[in-house]
C-alpha cells in the first residue's frame, strides 16, 4: 500500500526562509522601536500622550513639566 503524501513537505525552503526572516527582523524592529522611544523629543512625546487620550494636566504630571509647556507644545504641533 502507498503512504498518503503529507500536505506540507518537512523542511520546505520557502517556509524556512520566511521563518528565518521573521526571527531576524522582529528583534531588529524591537530594537529600533526602543531606540525611537528612548530618543523621542519632549514635543513628540507630548503629542503621542495627547493622541492616547491624556489631558494636558495628566501629560504635565507624567513628564514633570508645566501645563503651559504642554499647551505650547500642542499648539506648535
PDB file of N, CA and C in Angstrom:
ATOM      1  N   UNK A   1       0.827  -1.171   0.000  1.00  0.00           N
ATOM      2  CA  UNK A   1       0.000   0.000   0.000  1.00  0.00           C
ATOM      3  C   UNK A   1       0.882   1.249   0.000  1.00  0.00           C
ATOM      4  N   UNK A   2       0.310   2.294  -0.534  1.00  0.00           N
ATOM      5  CA  UNK A   2       1.033   3.568  -0.610  1.00  0.00           C
ATOM      6  C   UNK A   2       0.700   4.438   0.591  1.00  0.00           C
ATOM      7  N   UNK A   3       1.708   5.099   1.084  1.00  0.00           N
ATOM      8  CA  UNK A   3       1.515   6.061   2.167  1.00  0.00           C
ATOM      9  C   UNK A   3       0.923   7.352   1.607  1.00  0.00           C
ATOM     10  N   UNK A   4       0.012   7.999   2.325  1.00  0.00           N
ATOM     11  CA  UNK A   4      -0.501   9.281   1.833  1.00  0.00           C
ATOM     12  C   UNK A   4       0.594  10.352   1.915  1.00  0.00           C
ATOM     13  N   UNK A   5       0.634  11.229   0.949  1.00  0.00           N
ATOM     14  CA  UNK A   5       1.621  12.303   0.917  1.00  0.00           C
ATOM     15  C   UNK A   5       1.147  13.418   1.854  1.00  0.00           C
ATOM     16  N   UNK A   6       2.023  13.866   2.761  1.00  0.00           N
ATOM     17  CA  UNK A   6       1.609  14.931   3.684  1.00  0.00           C
ATOM     18  C   UNK A   6       1.362  16.234   2.926  1.00  0.00           C
ATOM     19  N   UNK A   7       0.532  17.094   3.514  1.00  0.00           N
ATOM     20  CA  UNK A   7       0.227  18.377   2.897  1.00  0.00           C
ATOM     21  C   UNK A   7       1.444  19.287   2.831  1.00  0.00           C
ATOM     22  N   UNK A   8       2.284  19.210   3.823  1.00  0.00           N
ATOM     23  CA  UNK A   8       3.456  20.072   3.886  1.00  0.00           C
ATOM     24  C   UNK A   8       4.703  19.205   3.884  1.00  0.00           C
ATOM     25  N   UNK A   9       5.619  19.562   3.021  1.00  0.00           N
ATOM     26  CA  UNK A   9       6.880  18.839   2.959  1.00  0.00           C
ATOM     27  C   UNK A   9       7.761  19.347   4.106  1.00  0.00           C
ATOM     28  N   UNK A  10       8.265  18.467   4.972  1.00  0.00           N
ATOM     29  CA  UNK A  10       9.128  18.928   6.057  1.00  0.00           C
ATOM     30  C   UNK A  10      10.374  19.599   5.488  1.00  0.00           C
ATOM     31  N   UNK A  11      10.701  20.762   6.041  1.00  0.00           N
ATOM     32  CA  UNK A  11      11.880  21.466   5.569  1.00  0.00           C
ATOM     33  C   UNK A  11      11.646  22.207   4.274  1.00  0.00           C
ATOM     34  N   UNK A  12      10.424  22.612   4.005  1.00  0.00           N
ATOM     35  CA  UNK A  12      10.110  23.365   2.797  1.00  0.00           C
ATOM     36  C   UNK A  12      10.955  24.645   2.806  1.00  0.00           C
ATOM     37  N   UNK A  13      11.771  24.872   1.793  1.00  0.00           N
ATOM     38  CA  UNK A  13      12.693  26.020   1.807  1.00  0.00           C
ATOM     39  C   UNK A  13      11.985  27.372   1.906  1.00  0.00           C
ATOM     40  N   UNK A  14      10.815  27.504   1.311  1.00  0.00           N
ATOM     41  CA  UNK A  14      10.116  28.786   1.376  1.00  0.00           C
ATOM     42  C   UNK A  14       9.670  29.093   2.797  1.00  0.00           C
ATOM     43  N   UNK A  15       9.160  28.098   3.496  1.00  0.00           N
ATOM     44  CA  UNK A  15       8.705  28.324   4.870  1.00  0.00           C
ATOM     45  C   UNK A  15       9.898  28.531   5.804  1.00  0.00           C
ATOM     46  N   UNK A  16      10.977  27.838   5.550  1.00  0.00           N
ATOM     47  CA  UNK A  16      12.158  28.017   6.386  1.00  0.00           C
ATOM     48  C   UNK A  16      12.736  29.411   6.196  1.00  0.00           C
ATOM     49  N   UNK A  17      12.718  29.931   4.972  1.00  0.00           N
ATOM     50  CA  UNK A  17      13.239  31.265   4.711  1.00  0.00           C
ATOM     51  C   UNK A  17      12.381  32.314   5.398  1.00  0.00           C
ATOM     52  N   UNK A  18      11.071  32.163   5.322  1.00  0.00           N
ATOM     53  CA  UNK A  18      10.174  33.105   5.982  1.00  0.00           C
ATOM     54  C   UNK A  18      10.379  33.085   7.490  1.00  0.00           C
ATOM     55  N   UNK A  19      10.518  31.917   8.056  1.00  0.00           N
ATOM     56  CA  UNK A  19      10.748  31.800   9.497  1.00  0.00           C
ATOM     57  C   UNK A  19      12.069  32.453   9.885  1.00  0.00           C
ATOM     58  N   UNK A  20      13.110  32.216   9.102  1.00  0.00           N
ATOM     59  CA  UNK A  20      14.417  32.812   9.395  1.00  0.00           C
ATOM     60  C   UNK A  20      14.337  34.334   9.304  1.00  0.00           C
ATOM     61  N   UNK A  21      13.636  34.859   8.310  1.00  0.00           N
ATOM     62  CA  UNK A  21      13.491  36.304   8.192  1.00  0.00           C
ATOM     63  C   UNK A  21      12.743  36.896   9.380  1.00  0.00           C
ATOM     64  N   UNK A  22      11.694  36.216   9.809  1.00  0.00           N
ATOM     65  CA  UNK A  22      10.944  36.715  10.960  1.00  0.00           C
ATOM     66  C   UNK A  22      11.795  36.710  12.223  1.00  0.00           C
ATOM     67  N   UNK A  23      12.573  35.663  12.418  1.00  0.00           N
ATOM     68  CA  UNK A  23      13.430  35.588  13.603  1.00  0.00           C
ATOM     69  C   UNK A  23      14.518  36.649  13.581  1.00  0.00           C
ATOM     70  N   UNK A  24      14.920  37.100  12.382  1.00  0.00           N
ATOM     71  CA  UNK A  24      15.946  38.143  12.284  1.00  0.00           C
ATOM     72  C   UNK A  24      15.343  39.543  12.332  1.00  0.00           C
ATOM     73  N   UNK A  25      14.206  39.742  11.677  1.00  0.00           N
ATOM     74  CA  UNK A  25      13.657  41.080  11.548  1.00  0.00           C
ATOM     75  C   UNK A  25      12.878  41.544  12.781  1.00  0.00           C
ATOM     76  N   UNK A  26      12.176  40.658  13.447  1.00  0.00           N
ATOM     77  CA  UNK A  26      11.393  41.080  14.605  1.00  0.00           C
ATOM     78  C   UNK A  26      12.257  41.623  15.754  1.00  0.00           C
ATOM     79  N   UNK A  27      13.340  40.958  16.123  1.00  0.00           N
ATOM     80  CA  UNK A  27      14.190  41.562  17.167  1.00  0.00           C
ATOM     81  C   UNK A  27      14.815  42.883  16.716  1.00  0.00           C
ATOM     82  N   UNK A  28      15.176  42.978  15.454  1.00  0.00           N
ATOM     83  CA  UNK A  28      15.732  44.224  14.936  1.00  0.00           C
ATOM     84  C   UNK A  28      14.695  45.343  15.013  1.00  0.00           C
ATOM     85  N   UNK A  29      13.467  45.037  14.652  1.00  0.00           N
ATOM     86  CA  UNK A  29      12.394  46.022  14.734  1.00  0.00           C
ATOM     87  C   UNK A  29      12.148  46.443  16.177  1.00  0.00           C
ATOM     88  N   UNK A  30      12.224  45.521  17.096  1.00  0.00           N
ATOM     89  CA  UNK A  30      12.035  45.844  18.512  1.00  0.00           C
ATOM     90  C   UNK A  30      13.145  46.774  19.011  1.00  0.00           C
ATOM     91  N   UNK A  31      14.367  46.539  18.597  1.00  0.00           N
ATOM     92  CA  UNK A  31      15.492  47.395  18.998  1.00  0.00           C
ATOM     93  C   UNK A  31      15.302  48.803  18.446  1.00  0.00           C
ATOM     94  N   UNK A  32      14.895  48.908  17.189  1.00  0.00           N
ATOM     95  CA  UNK A  32      14.669  50.221  16.580  1.00  0.00           C
ATOM     96  C   UNK A  32      13.543  50.957  17.302  1.00  0.00           C
ATOM     97  N   UNK A  33      12.481  50.249  17.656  1.00  0.00           N
ATOM     98  CA  UNK A  33      11.369  50.873  18.372  1.00  0.00           C
ATOM     99  C   UNK A  33      11.806  51.366  19.753  1.00  0.00           C
ATOM    100  N   UNK A  34      12.619  50.597  20.456  1.00  0.00           N
ATOM    101  CA  UNK A  34      13.100  51.021  21.774  1.00  0.00           C
ATOM    102  C   UNK A  34      14.013  52.238  21.670  1.00  0.00           C
ATOM    103  N   UNK A  35      14.877  52.269  20.657  1.00  0.00           N
ATOM    104  CA  UNK A  35      15.749  53.427  20.456  1.00  0.00           C
ATOM    105  C   UNK A  35      14.907  54.654  20.134  1.00  0.00           C
ATOM    106  N   UNK A  36      13.868  54.469  19.317  1.00  0.00           N
ATOM    107  CA  UNK A  36      12.981  55.576  18.974  1.00  0.00           C
ATOM    108  C   UNK A  36      12.293  56.132  20.220  1.00  0.00           C
ATOM    109  N   UNK A  37      11.801  55.257  21.081  1.00  0.00           N
ATOM    110  CA  UNK A  37      11.149  55.714  22.308  1.00  0.00           C
ATOM    111  C   UNK A  37      12.129  56.409  23.256  1.00  0.00           C
ATOM    112  N   UNK A  38      13.347  55.906  23.306  1.00  0.00           N
ATOM    113  CA  UNK A  38      14.337  56.464  24.225  1.00  0.00           C
ATOM    114  C   UNK A  38      14.821  57.839  23.774  1.00  0.00           C
ATOM    115  N   UNK A  39      14.831  58.103  22.477  1.00  0.00           N
ATOM    116  CA  UNK A  39      15.368  59.359  21.964  1.00  0.00           C
ATOM    117  C   UNK A  39      14.279  60.324  21.505  1.00  0.00           C
ATOM    118  N   UNK A  40      13.033  60.059  21.857  1.00  0.00           N
ATOM    119  CA  UNK A  40      11.916  60.891  21.430  1.00  0.00           C
ATOM    120  C   UNK A  40      11.997  62.267  22.087  1.00  0.00           C
ATOM    121  N   UNK A  41      11.768  63.317  21.306  1.00  0.00           N
ATOM    122  CA  UNK A  41      11.776  64.671  21.854  1.00  0.00           C
ATOM    123  C   UNK A  41      10.560  64.858  22.760  1.00  0.00           C
ATOM    124  N   UNK A  42      10.649  65.881  23.620  1.00  0.00           N
ATOM    125  CA  UNK A  42       9.554  66.107  24.554  1.00  0.00           C
ATOM    126  C   UNK A  42       8.284  66.524  23.798  1.00  0.00           C
ATOM    127  N   UNK A  43       8.422  67.316  22.754  1.00  0.00           N
ATOM    128  CA  UNK A  43       7.251  67.743  21.986  1.00  0.00           C
ATOM    129  C   UNK A  43       6.560  66.549  21.333  1.00  0.00           C
ATOM    130  N   UNK A  44       7.340  65.633  20.806  1.00  0.00           N
ATOM    131  CA  UNK A  44       6.759  64.441  20.175  1.00  0.00           C
ATOM    132  C   UNK A  44       6.115  63.536  21.219  1.00  0.00           C
ATOM    133  N   UNK A  45       6.755  63.420  22.379  1.00  0.00           N
ATOM    134  CA  UNK A  45       6.198  62.603  23.456  1.00  0.00           C
ATOM    135  C   UNK A  45       4.872  63.200  23.945  1.00  0.00           C
ATOM    136  N   UNK A  46       4.812  64.533  24.032  1.00  0.00           N
ATOM    137  CA  UNK A  46       3.575  65.205  24.426  1.00  0.00           C
ATOM    138  C   UNK A  46       2.476  64.903  23.414  1.00  0.00           C
ATOM    139  N   UNK A  47       2.804  64.996  22.135  1.00  0.00           N
ATOM    140  CA  UNK A  47       1.812  64.718  21.097  1.00  0.00           C
ATOM    141  C   UNK A  47       1.346  63.262  21.159  1.00  0.00           C
ATOM    142  N   UNK A  48       2.267  62.331  21.404  1.00  0.00           N
ATOM    143  CA  UNK A  48       1.905  60.916  21.497  1.00  0.00           C
ATOM    144  C   UNK A  48       0.967  60.668  22.682  1.00  0.00           C
ATOM    145  N   UNK A  49       1.278  61.277  23.820  1.00  0.00           N
ATOM    146  CA  UNK A  49       0.436  61.105  25.003  1.00  0.00           C
ATOM    147  C   UNK A  49      -0.942  61.745  24.809  1.00  0.00           C
ATOM    148  N   UNK A  50      -0.997  62.880  24.113  1.00  0.00           N
ATOM    149  CA  UNK A  50      -2.278  63.526  23.840  1.00  0.00           C
ATOM    150  C   UNK A  50      -3.115  62.661  22.898  1.00  0.00           C
ATOM    151  N   UNK A  51      -2.465  62.055  21.894  1.00  0.00           N
ATOM    152  CA  UNK A  51      -3.175  61.176  20.965  1.00  0.00           C
ATOM    153  C   UNK A  51      -3.694  59.926  21.664  1.00  0.00           C
ATOM    154  N   UNK A  52      -3.052  59.549  22.762  1.00  0.00           N
ATOM    155  CA  UNK A  52      -3.528  58.379  23.507  1.00  0.00           C
ATOM    156  C   UNK A  52      -4.673  58.732  24.456  1.00  0.00           C
ATOM    157  N   UNK A  53      -5.025  60.024  24.538  1.00  0.00           N
ATOM    158  CA  UNK A  53      -6.204  60.411  25.297  1.00  0.00           C
ATOM    159  C   UNK A  53      -5.948  61.092  26.622  1.00  0.00           C
ATOM    160  N   UNK A  54      -4.700  61.366  26.964  1.00  0.00           N
ATOM    161  CA  UNK A  54      -4.420  62.024  28.242  1.00  0.00           C
ATOM    162  C   UNK A  54      -4.705  63.520  28.153  1.00  0.00           C
ATOM    163  N   UNK A  55      -5.082  64.097  29.269  1.00  0.00           N
ATOM    164  CA  UNK A  55      -5.327  65.539  29.326  1.00  0.00           C
ATOM    165  C   UNK A  55      -3.990  66.271  29.441  1.00  0.00           C
ATOM    166  N   UNK A  56      -4.052  67.594  29.240  1.00  0.00           N
ATOM    167  CA  UNK A  56      -2.830  68.391  29.373  1.00  0.00           C
ATOM    168  C   UNK A  56      -2.260  68.300  30.781  1.00  0.00           C
ATOM    169  N   UNK A  57      -3.122  68.297  31.772  1.00  0.00           N
ATOM    170  CA  UNK A  57      -2.675  68.198  33.169  1.00  0.00           C
ATOM    171  C   UNK A  57      -2.017  66.846  33.440  1.00  0.00           C
ATOM    172  N   UNK A  58      -2.593  65.774  32.917  1.00  0.00           N
ATOM    173  CA  UNK A  58      -2.020  64.438  33.123  1.00  0.00           C
ATOM    174  C   UNK A  58      -0.676  64.311  32.413  1.00  0.00           C
ATOM    175  N   UNK A  59      -0.579  64.896  31.227  1.00  0.00           N
ATOM    176  CA  UNK A  59       0.693  64.855  30.490  1.00  0.00           C
ATOM    177  C   UNK A  59       1.761  65.621  31.261  1.00  0.00           C
ATOM    178  N   UNK A  60       1.404  66.794  31.759  1.00  0.00           N
ATOM    179  CA  UNK A  60       2.362  67.601  32.523  1.00  0.00           C
ATOM    180  C   UNK A  60       2.833  66.864  33.773  1.00  0.00           C
ATOM    181  N   UNK A  61       1.915  66.201  34.456  1.00  0.00           N
ATOM    182  CA  UNK A  61       2.292  65.451  35.661  1.00  0.00           C
ATOM    183  C   UNK A  61       3.199  64.282  35.304  1.00  0.00           C
ATOM    184  N   UNK A  62       2.906  63.605  34.207  1.00  0.00           N
ATOM    185  CA  UNK A  62       3.708  62.445  33.813  1.00  0.00           C
ATOM    186  C   UNK A  62       5.115  62.850  33.387  1.00  0.00           C
ATOM    187  N   UNK A  63       5.241  63.975  32.670  1.00  0.00           N
ATOM    188  CA  UNK A  63       6.552  64.402  32.166  1.00  0.00           C
ATOM    189  C   UNK A  63       7.304  65.320  33.118  1.00  0.00           C
ATOM    190  N   UNK A  64       6.622  65.778  34.163  1.00  0.00           N
ATOM    191  CA  UNK A  64       7.294  66.639  35.132  1.00  0.00           C
ATOM    192  C   UNK A  64       7.542  68.042  34.605  1.00  0.00           C
ATOM    193  N   UNK A  65       6.624  68.562  33.802  1.00  0.00           N
ATOM    194  CA  UNK A  65       6.747  69.917  33.304  1.00  0.00           C
ATOM    195  C   UNK A  65       5.436  70.638  33.574  1.00  0.00           C
ATOM    196  N   UNK A  66       5.372  71.913  33.210  1.00  0.00           N
ATOM    197  CA  UNK A  66       4.160  72.682  33.480  1.00  0.00           C
ATOM    198  C   UNK A  66       3.089  72.411  32.425  1.00  0.00           C
ATOM    199  N   UNK A  67       1.857  72.677  32.792  1.00  0.00           N
ATOM    200  CA  UNK A  67       0.751  72.525  31.859  1.00  0.00           C
ATOM    201  C   UNK A  67       0.906  73.525  30.717  1.00  0.00           C
ATOM    202  N   UNK A  68       1.472  74.691  31.020  1.00  0.00           N
ATOM    203  CA  UNK A  68       1.717  75.709  29.994  1.00  0.00           C
ATOM    204  C   UNK A  68       2.669  75.185  28.922  1.00  0.00           C
ATOM    205  N   UNK A  69       3.713  74.486  29.341  1.00  0.00           N
ATOM    206  CA  UNK A  69       4.669  73.905  28.380  1.00  0.00           C
ATOM    207  C   UNK A  69       3.982  72.864  27.492  1.00  0.00           C
ATOM    208  N   UNK A  70       3.101  72.078  28.078  1.00  0.00           N
ATOM    209  CA  UNK A  70       2.341  71.083  27.319  1.00  0.00           C
ATOM    210  C   UNK A  70       1.440  71.783  26.310  1.00  0.00           C
ATOM    211  N   UNK A  71       0.761  72.848  26.760  1.00  0.00           N
ATOM    212  CA  UNK A  71      -0.141  73.576  25.871  1.00  0.00           C
ATOM    213  C   UNK A  71       0.628  74.188  24.703  1.00  0.00           C
ATOM    214  N   UNK A  72       1.804  74.748  24.969  1.00  0.00           N
ATOM    215  CA  UNK A  72       2.608  75.328  23.887  1.00  0.00           C
ATOM    216  C   UNK A  72       3.060  74.257  22.890  1.00  0.00           C
ATOM    217  N   UNK A  73       3.436  73.113  23.395  1.00  0.00           N
ATOM    218  CA  UNK A  73       3.873  72.033  22.510  1.00  0.00           C
ATOM    219  C   UNK A  73       2.722  71.535  21.634  1.00  0.00           C
ATOM    220  N   UNK A  74       1.521  71.493  22.196  1.00  0.00           N
ATOM    221  CA  UNK A  74       0.362  71.037  21.420  1.00  0.00           C
ATOM    222  C   UNK A  74      -0.057  72.082  20.393  1.00  0.00           C
ATOM    223  N   UNK A  75       0.086  73.341  20.712  1.00  0.00           N
ATOM    224  CA  UNK A  75      -0.237  74.391  19.743  1.00  0.00           C
ATOM    225  C   UNK A  75       0.751  74.370  18.586  1.00  0.00           C
ATOM    226  N   UNK A  76       2.034  74.142  18.888  1.00  0.00           N
ATOM    227  CA  UNK A  76       3.076  74.139  17.844  1.00  0.00           C
ATOM    228  C   UNK A  76       2.960  72.937  16.918  1.00  0.00           C
ATOM    229  N   UNK A  77       2.355  71.867  17.392  1.00  0.00           N
ATOM    230  CA  UNK A  77       2.286  70.649  16.584  1.00  0.00           C
ATOM    231  C   UNK A  77       1.233  70.690  15.531  1.00  0.00           C
TER     232      UNK A  77
END
